[in-house]
């Protein structure tokens, strides 16, 4: 993999080329040659934009030939992630804007939503809560654009366990859920309180 750039620094133009996993040299127009013994693996680079073979781009910090630190990754399909990276993965805190209009703000671990996060869907729904391995998992709240709200437990993206569903018309169900549906013990209260 080769990366070349042309820069002007204090009115002296430098042409530098990096050859991944090999030694590299920077040569100035003043015919002064500076040879760096370190490989790109041993350096942390910042600020350059890298275009991948599939058309995706990354701008930000690098370590060991991988995004590491703060950066922006833009996919060819329009998705954009702005946040923390570790060893090539989205890892830490970041914002992922999907090409379809959905926006996730929250925690990441090894490229997946993990921990606390908020997903605003382009259709108006909004989830706030726990994530595990890229799915709603644990305690969370889903606010529907209709005005209904589910607050309770999730397991691998499904309502599972104890939960409270409050419908826009005032009806409520509190109890057990399984596979996204009321199941087992629960109490349904009509809008008039009965």
C-alpha atoms as a PDB file:
ATOM      1  CA  UNK A   1       0.000   0.000   0.000  1.00  0.00           C
ATOM      2  CA  UNK A   2       1.430   3.393  -0.948  1.00  0.00           C
ATOM      3  CA  UNK A   3       0.435   6.841   0.211  1.00  0.00           C
ATOM      4  CA  UNK A   4       1.935   9.945  -1.313  1.00  0.00           C
ATOM      5  CA  UNK A   5       1.330  13.588  -0.498  1.00  0.00           C
ATOM      6  CA  UNK A   6       2.699  16.949  -1.555  1.00  0.00           C
ATOM      7  CA  UNK A   7       2.905  19.679   1.088  1.00  0.00           C
ATOM      8  CA  UNK A   8       4.265  23.189   1.489  1.00  0.00           C
ATOM      9  CA  UNK A   9       5.925  23.988   4.813  1.00  0.00           C
ATOM     10  CA  UNK A  10       7.434  27.437   5.474  1.00  0.00           C
ATOM     11  CA  UNK A  11       7.617  28.037   1.684  1.00  0.00           C
ATOM     12  CA  UNK A  12       9.708  24.877   1.201  1.00  0.00           C
ATOM     13  CA  UNK A  13       7.923  22.222  -0.768  1.00  0.00           C
ATOM     14  CA  UNK A  14       8.328  18.629   0.353  1.00  0.00           C
ATOM     15  CA  UNK A  15       7.332  15.514  -1.476  1.00  0.00           C
ATOM     16  CA  UNK A  16       6.872  12.608   0.857  1.00  0.00           C
ATOM     17  CA  UNK A  17       5.904   9.046   0.153  1.00  0.00           C
ATOM     18  CA  UNK A  18       4.990   6.409   2.687  1.00  0.00           C
ATOM     19  CA  UNK A  19       5.330   2.755   1.849  1.00  0.00           C
ATOM     20  CA  UNK A  20       3.374   0.704   4.358  1.00  0.00           C
ATOM     21  CA  UNK A  21       5.500  -1.721   6.401  1.00  0.00           C
ATOM     22  CA  UNK A  22       8.712  -0.508   4.744  1.00  0.00           C
ATOM     23  CA  UNK A  23      11.159   2.321   5.445  1.00  0.00           C
ATOM     24  CA  UNK A  24      10.350   5.654   3.802  1.00  0.00           C
ATOM     25  CA  UNK A  25      12.170   8.847   2.904  1.00  0.00           C
ATOM     26  CA  UNK A  26      11.218  12.503   2.579  1.00  0.00           C
ATOM     27  CA  UNK A  27      13.049  14.511  -0.032  1.00  0.00           C
ATOM     28  CA  UNK A  28      13.003  18.328  -0.220  1.00  0.00           C
ATOM     29  CA  UNK A  29      13.517  20.385  -3.343  1.00  0.00           C
ATOM     30  CA  UNK A  30      16.744  21.659  -1.789  1.00  0.00           C
ATOM     31  CA  UNK A  31      18.184  18.185  -2.507  1.00  0.00           C
ATOM     32  CA  UNK A  32      18.418  17.455   1.196  1.00  0.00           C
ATOM     33  CA  UNK A  33      17.515  13.861   1.916  1.00  0.00           C
ATOM     34  CA  UNK A  34      16.113  12.865   5.279  1.00  0.00           C
ATOM     35  CA  UNK A  35      15.771   9.130   5.860  1.00  0.00           C
ATOM     36  CA  UNK A  36      13.511   7.909   8.652  1.00  0.00           C
ATOM     37  CA  UNK A  37      14.316   4.472  10.025  1.00  0.00           C
ATOM     38  CA  UNK A  38      10.944   3.850  11.698  1.00  0.00           C
ATOM     39  CA  UNK A  39       8.215   2.064   9.785  1.00  0.00           C
ATOM     40  CA  UNK A  40       4.721   3.442   9.523  1.00  0.00           C
ATOM     41  CA  UNK A  41       3.714   0.778  12.067  1.00  0.00           C
ATOM     42  CA  UNK A  42       5.666   2.626  14.748  1.00  0.00           C
ATOM     43  CA  UNK A  43       4.194   6.035  14.060  1.00  0.00           C
ATOM     44  CA  UNK A  44       0.907   7.673  14.915  1.00  0.00           C
ATOM     45  CA  UNK A  45      -0.230   9.772  11.979  1.00  0.00           C
ATOM     46  CA  UNK A  46      -2.909  12.453  12.067  1.00  0.00           C
ATOM     47  CA  UNK A  47      -4.954  14.544   9.707  1.00  0.00           C
ATOM     48  CA  UNK A  48      -4.452  12.758   6.405  1.00  0.00           C
ATOM     49  CA  UNK A  49      -7.387  11.298   4.511  1.00  0.00           C
ATOM     50  CA  UNK A  50      -7.045   7.717   3.359  1.00  0.00           C
ATOM     51  CA  UNK A  51      -9.222   6.372   0.548  1.00  0.00           C
ATOM     52  CA  UNK A  52      -9.788   2.625   0.630  1.00  0.00           C
ATOM     53  CA  UNK A  53     -10.165   0.399  -2.436  1.00  0.00           C
ATOM     54  CA  UNK A  54     -13.935   0.111  -1.826  1.00  0.00           C
ATOM     55  CA  UNK A  55     -14.329   3.929  -1.947  1.00  0.00           C
ATOM     56  CA  UNK A  56     -14.688   4.504   1.822  1.00  0.00           C
ATOM     57  CA  UNK A  57     -12.527   7.260   3.362  1.00  0.00           C
ATOM     58  CA  UNK A  58     -10.983   7.822   6.791  1.00  0.00           C
ATOM     59  CA  UNK A  59      -9.560  11.054   8.191  1.00  0.00           C
ATOM     60  CA  UNK A  60      -7.951  11.025  11.608  1.00  0.00           C
ATOM     61  CA  UNK A  61      -5.399   9.375  13.855  1.00  0.00           C
ATOM     62  CA  UNK A  62      -3.580   6.145  12.926  1.00  0.00           C
ATOM     63  CA  UNK A  63      -1.566   3.557  14.823  1.00  0.00           C
ATOM     64  CA  UNK A  64      -0.119   0.322  13.385  1.00  0.00           C
ATOM     65  CA  UNK A  65      -1.787   0.953  10.005  1.00  0.00           C
ATOM     66  CA  UNK A  66      -5.236   1.152  11.619  1.00  0.00           C
ATOM     67  CA  UNK A  67      -7.541   4.007  12.637  1.00  0.00           C
ATOM     68  CA  UNK A  68      -6.762   4.728  16.296  1.00  0.00           C
ATOM     69  CA  UNK A  69      -7.838   7.798  18.289  1.00  0.00           C
ATOM     70  CA  UNK A  70     -10.258  10.440  16.974  1.00  0.00           C
ATOM     71  CA  UNK A  71     -11.383  10.146  13.378  1.00  0.00           C
ATOM     72  CA  UNK A  72     -14.105  10.303  10.748  1.00  0.00           C
ATOM     73  CA  UNK A  73     -14.969   7.265   8.617  1.00  0.00           C
ATOM     74  CA  UNK A  74     -17.221   7.854   5.616  1.00  0.00           C
ATOM     75  CA  UNK A  75     -18.692   4.945   3.708  1.00  0.00           C
ATOM     76  CA  UNK A  76     -19.483   5.090   0.020  1.00  0.00           C
ATOM     77  CA  UNK A  77     -23.171   4.415   0.854  1.00  0.00           C
ATOM     78  CA  UNK A  78     -23.415   7.742   2.747  1.00  0.00           C
ATOM     79  CA  UNK A  79     -22.939   6.445   6.315  1.00  0.00           C
ATOM     80  CA  UNK A  80     -20.560   8.593   8.408  1.00  0.00           C
ATOM     81  CA  UNK A  81     -18.999   7.769  11.804  1.00  0.00           C
ATOM     82  CA  UNK A  82     -17.314  10.544  13.793  1.00  0.00           C
ATOM     83  CA  UNK A  83     -15.704   9.488  17.043  1.00  0.00           C
ATOM     84  CA  UNK A  84     -13.209   7.253  18.780  1.00  0.00           C
ATOM     85  CA  UNK A  85     -11.336   4.356  17.192  1.00  0.00           C
ATOM     86  CA  UNK A  86      -9.158   1.673  18.731  1.00  0.00           C
ATOM     87  CA  UNK A  87      -7.037  -0.714  16.657  1.00  0.00           C
ATOM     88  CA  UNK A  88      -9.203  -0.182  13.570  1.00  0.00           C
ATOM     89  CA  UNK A  89     -12.579  -0.507  15.318  1.00  0.00           C
ATOM     90  CA  UNK A  90     -15.164   2.116  16.276  1.00  0.00           C
ATOM     91  CA  UNK A  91     -14.479   1.983  20.000  1.00  0.00           C
ATOM     92  CA  UNK A  92     -15.289   4.537  22.705  1.00  0.00           C
ATOM     93  CA  UNK A  93     -17.846   7.289  22.071  1.00  0.00           C
ATOM     94  CA  UNK A  94     -19.071   8.383  18.673  1.00  0.00           C
ATOM     95  CA  UNK A  95     -21.879   9.485  16.377  1.00  0.00           C
ATOM     96  CA  UNK A  96     -22.927   7.292  13.446  1.00  0.00           C
ATOM     97  CA  UNK A  97     -25.126   8.935  10.811  1.00  0.00           C
ATOM     98  CA  UNK A  98     -26.696   6.358   8.540  1.00  0.00           C
ATOM     99  CA  UNK A  99     -27.330   7.142   4.891  1.00  0.00           C
ATOM    100  CA  UNK A 100     -31.063   6.547   5.490  1.00  0.00           C
ATOM    101  CA  UNK A 101     -31.252   9.357   8.098  1.00  0.00           C
ATOM    102  CA  UNK A 102     -31.000   7.325  11.337  1.00  0.00           C
ATOM    103  CA  UNK A 103     -28.469   8.739  13.868  1.00  0.00           C
ATOM    104  CA  UNK A 104     -26.833   6.818  16.749  1.00  0.00           C
ATOM    105  CA  UNK A 105     -24.980   8.708  19.503  1.00  0.00           C
ATOM    106  CA  UNK A 106     -23.312   6.687  22.184  1.00  0.00           C
ATOM    107  CA  UNK A 107     -20.809   4.058  23.194  1.00  0.00           C
ATOM    108  CA  UNK A 108     -19.039   1.557  20.938  1.00  0.00           C
ATOM    109  CA  UNK A 109     -16.922  -1.518  21.528  1.00  0.00           C
ATOM    110  CA  UNK A 110     -14.976  -3.306  18.769  1.00  0.00           C
ATOM    111  CA  UNK A 111     -17.163  -1.886  16.002  1.00  0.00           C
ATOM    112  CA  UNK A 112     -20.555  -2.511  17.626  1.00  0.00           C
ATOM    113  CA  UNK A 113     -22.931  -0.406  19.689  1.00  0.00           C
ATOM    114  CA  UNK A 114     -22.219  -1.417  23.276  1.00  0.00           C
ATOM    115  CA  UNK A 115     -23.141   0.347  26.518  1.00  0.00           C
ATOM    116  CA  UNK A 116     -25.443   3.386  26.600  1.00  0.00           C
ATOM    117  CA  UNK A 117     -26.642   5.012  23.410  1.00  0.00           C
ATOM    118  CA  UNK A 118     -29.465   6.903  21.730  1.00  0.00           C
ATOM    119  CA  UNK A 119     -30.743   5.957  18.280  1.00  0.00           C
ATOM    120  CA  UNK A 120     -32.940   8.537  16.564  1.00  0.00           C
ATOM    121  CA  UNK A 121     -34.730   6.850  13.687  1.00  0.00           C
ATOM    122  CA  UNK A 122     -35.539   8.871  10.584  1.00  0.00           C
ATOM    123  CA  UNK A 123     -39.200   7.777  10.964  1.00  0.00           C
ATOM    124  CA  UNK A 124     -39.454   9.708  14.265  1.00  0.00           C
ATOM    125  CA  UNK A 125     -39.027   6.810  16.724  1.00  0.00           C
ATOM    126  CA  UNK A 126     -36.250   7.114  19.325  1.00  0.00           C
ATOM    127  CA  UNK A 127     -34.524   4.496  21.503  1.00  0.00           C
ATOM    128  CA  UNK A 128     -32.568   5.493  24.627  1.00  0.00           C
ATOM    129  CA  UNK A 129     -30.820   2.848  26.657  1.00  0.00           C
ATOM    130  CA  UNK A 130     -28.494  -0.119  26.827  1.00  0.00           C
ATOM    131  CA  UNK A 131     -26.892  -1.834  23.835  1.00  0.00           C
ATOM    132  CA  UNK A 132     -25.000  -5.097  23.557  1.00  0.00           C
ATOM    133  CA  UNK A 133     -23.304  -6.512  20.448  1.00  0.00           C
ATOM    134  CA  UNK A 134     -25.059  -3.990  18.203  1.00  0.00           C
ATOM    135  CA  UNK A 135     -28.573  -4.654  19.543  1.00  0.00           C
ATOM    136  CA  UNK A 136     -30.939  -3.121  22.111  1.00  0.00           C
ATOM    137  CA  UNK A 137     -30.214  -5.218  25.174  1.00  0.00           C
ATOM    138  CA  UNK A 138     -30.814  -4.443  28.853  1.00  0.00           C
ATOM    139  CA  UNK A 139     -32.871  -1.531  30.162  1.00  0.00           C
ATOM    140  CA  UNK A 140     -34.158   0.945  27.627  1.00  0.00           C
ATOM    141  CA  UNK A 141     -36.947   3.212  26.467  1.00  0.00           C
ATOM    142  CA  UNK A 142     -38.502   3.341  23.000  1.00  0.00           C
ATOM    143  CA  UNK A 143     -40.466   6.478  22.208  1.00  0.00           C
ATOM    144  CA  UNK A 144     -42.692   5.986  19.190  1.00  0.00           C
ATOM    145  CA  UNK A 145     -43.496   8.911  16.914  1.00  0.00           C
ATOM    146  CA  UNK A 146     -47.187   8.123  17.564  1.00  0.00           C
ATOM    147  CA  UNK A 147     -46.701   9.180  21.196  1.00  0.00           C
ATOM    148  CA  UNK A 148     -46.655   5.672  22.708  1.00  0.00           C
ATOM    149  CA  UNK A 149     -43.725   4.754  24.974  1.00  0.00           C
ATOM    150  CA  UNK A 150     -42.248   1.384  25.983  1.00  0.00           C
ATOM    151  CA  UNK A 151     -39.911   1.373  28.970  1.00  0.00           C
ATOM    152  CA  UNK A 152     -38.414  -1.856  30.209  1.00  0.00           C
ATOM    153  CA  UNK A 153     -36.092  -4.726  29.427  1.00  0.00           C
ATOM    154  CA  UNK A 154     -34.751  -5.773  26.041  1.00  0.00           C
ATOM    155  CA  UNK A 155     -33.013  -8.942  24.987  1.00  0.00           C
ATOM    156  CA  UNK A 156     -31.203  -9.076  21.635  1.00  0.00           C
ATOM    157  CA  UNK A 157     -33.371  -6.297  20.114  1.00  0.00           C
ATOM    158  CA  UNK A 158     -36.722  -7.673  21.386  1.00  0.00           C
ATOM    159  CA  UNK A 159     -38.894  -6.518  24.289  1.00  0.00           C
ATOM    160  CA  UNK A 160     -38.228  -9.335  26.746  1.00  0.00           C
ATOM    161  CA  UNK A 161     -38.901  -9.424  30.498  1.00  0.00           C
ATOM    162  CA  UNK A 162     -40.602  -6.722  32.590  1.00  0.00           C
ATOM    163  CA  UNK A 163     -41.871  -3.660  30.785  1.00  0.00           C
ATOM    164  CA  UNK A 164     -44.370  -0.820  30.776  1.00  0.00           C
ATOM    165  CA  UNK A 165     -46.138   0.211  27.581  1.00  0.00           C
ATOM    166  CA  UNK A 166     -48.034   3.480  27.664  1.00  0.00           C
ATOM    167  CA  UNK A 167     -50.142   4.059  24.576  1.00  0.00           C
ATOM    168  CA  UNK A 168     -50.937   7.454  23.112  1.00  0.00           C
ATOM    169  CA  UNK A 169     -54.615   7.058  24.044  1.00  0.00           C
ATOM    170  CA  UNK A 170     -53.692   6.577  27.734  1.00  0.00           C
ATOM    171  CA  UNK A 171     -53.998   2.781  27.924  1.00  0.00           C
ATOM    172  CA  UNK A 172     -51.179   1.029  29.771  1.00  0.00           C
ATOM    173  CA  UNK A 173     -49.798  -2.460  30.082  1.00  0.00           C
ATOM    174  CA  UNK A 174     -47.295  -3.363  32.780  1.00  0.00           C
ATOM    175  CA  UNK A 175     -45.956  -6.875  32.964  1.00  0.00           C
ATOM    176  CA  UNK A 176     -43.976  -9.528  31.171  1.00  0.00           C
ATOM    177  CA  UNK A 177     -42.951  -9.448  27.525  1.00  0.00           C
ATOM    178  CA  UNK A 178     -41.679 -12.174  25.243  1.00  0.00           C
ATOM    179  CA  UNK A 179     -40.710 -11.740  21.574  1.00  0.00           C
ATOM    180  CA  UNK A 180     -41.930  -8.120  21.593  1.00  0.00           C
ATOM    181  CA  UNK A 181     -45.441  -9.021  22.850  1.00  0.00           C
ATOM    182  CA  UNK A 182     -47.164  -9.049  26.240  1.00  0.00           C
ATOM    183  CA  UNK A 183     -46.784 -12.575  27.607  1.00  0.00           C
ATOM    184  CA  UNK A 184     -47.458 -14.076  31.028  1.00  0.00           C
ATOM    185  CA  UNK A 185     -48.244 -11.952  34.081  1.00  0.00           C
ATOM    186  CA  UNK A 186     -49.346  -8.406  33.443  1.00  0.00           C
ATOM    187  CA  UNK A 187     -51.964  -5.767  34.087  1.00  0.00           C
ATOM    188  CA  UNK A 188     -53.705  -3.766  31.395  1.00  0.00           C
ATOM    189  CA  UNK A 189     -55.294  -0.481  32.377  1.00  0.00           C
ATOM    190  CA  UNK A 190     -57.744   1.310  30.093  1.00  0.00           C
ATOM    191  CA  UNK A 191     -57.451   5.030  29.427  1.00  0.00           C
ATOM    192  CA  UNK A 192     -60.330   5.710  31.857  1.00  0.00           C
ATOM    193  CA  UNK A 193     -58.450   3.910  34.652  1.00  0.00           C
ATOM    194  CA  UNK A 194     -60.419   0.646  34.623  1.00  0.00           C
END
